[in-house]
């Protein structure tokens, strides 16, 4: 990594979208796994 690479707004947005997708996927998997236990 040479020099200081300034992050563009697009890169930041992409990272945020990726993280949101990961969190939503994990949340969906957890909810699907807990659903049969009738905890909600």
C-alpha atoms as a PDB file:
ATOM      1  CA  UNK A   1       0.000   0.000   0.000  1.00  0.00           C
ATOM      2  CA  UNK A   2       1.927   2.995  -1.272  1.00  0.00           C
ATOM      3  CA  UNK A   3       0.971   6.455  -0.121  1.00  0.00           C
ATOM      4  CA  UNK A   4      -2.278   7.543   1.434  1.00  0.00           C
ATOM      5  CA  UNK A   5      -5.176   6.386  -0.682  1.00  0.00           C
ATOM      6  CA  UNK A   6      -8.172   8.589  -0.151  1.00  0.00           C
ATOM      7  CA  UNK A   7     -11.344   6.640   0.027  1.00  0.00           C
ATOM      8  CA  UNK A   8     -13.959   7.813  -2.402  1.00  0.00           C
ATOM      9  CA  UNK A   9     -17.558   8.195  -1.344  1.00  0.00           C
ATOM     10  CA  UNK A  10     -18.482   5.370  -3.692  1.00  0.00           C
ATOM     11  CA  UNK A  11     -16.081   2.978  -1.983  1.00  0.00           C
ATOM     12  CA  UNK A  12     -17.469   3.919   1.423  1.00  0.00           C
ATOM     13  CA  UNK A  13     -21.009   3.408   0.172  1.00  0.00           C
ATOM     14  CA  UNK A  14     -20.074   0.020  -1.252  1.00  0.00           C
ATOM     15  CA  UNK A  15     -18.562  -1.077   2.060  1.00  0.00           C
ATOM     16  CA  UNK A  16     -21.668   0.049   3.947  1.00  0.00           C
ATOM     17  CA  UNK A  17     -23.946  -1.832   1.547  1.00  0.00           C
ATOM     18  CA  UNK A  18     -21.804  -4.969   1.858  1.00  0.00           C
ATOM     19  CA  UNK A  19     -21.921  -4.843   5.651  1.00  0.00           C
ATOM     20  CA  UNK A  20     -25.678  -4.236   5.679  1.00  0.00           C
ATOM     21  CA  UNK A  21     -26.186  -7.241   3.402  1.00  0.00           C
ATOM     22  CA  UNK A  22     -24.018  -9.430   5.646  1.00  0.00           C
ATOM     23  CA  UNK A  23     -25.852  -8.340   8.796  1.00  0.00           C
ATOM     24  CA  UNK A  24     -29.265  -8.843   7.203  1.00  0.00           C
ATOM     25  CA  UNK A  25     -28.268 -12.279   5.917  1.00  0.00           C
ATOM     26  CA  UNK A  26     -26.985 -13.375   9.313  1.00  0.00           C
ATOM     27  CA  UNK A  27     -30.048 -11.931  11.028  1.00  0.00           C
ATOM     28  CA  UNK A  28     -32.337 -13.771   8.619  1.00  0.00           C
ATOM     29  CA  UNK A  29     -30.513 -17.045   9.198  1.00  0.00           C
ATOM     30  CA  UNK A  30     -30.694 -16.630  12.978  1.00  0.00           C
ATOM     31  CA  UNK A  31     -34.396 -15.756  12.876  1.00  0.00           C
ATOM     32  CA  UNK A  32     -35.128 -18.714  10.598  1.00  0.00           C
ATOM     33  CA  UNK A  33     -33.224 -21.006  12.971  1.00  0.00           C
ATOM     34  CA  UNK A  34     -35.072 -19.700  16.041  1.00  0.00           C
ATOM     35  CA  UNK A  35     -38.529 -19.643  14.474  1.00  0.00           C
ATOM     36  CA  UNK A  36     -39.349 -23.328  15.205  1.00  0.00           C
ATOM     37  CA  UNK A  37     -38.546 -22.714  18.873  1.00  0.00           C
ATOM     38  CA  UNK A  38     -41.461 -20.258  19.140  1.00  0.00           C
ATOM     39  CA  UNK A  39     -39.358 -17.707  21.004  1.00  0.00           C
ATOM     40  CA  UNK A  40     -41.008 -14.753  19.249  1.00  0.00           C
END
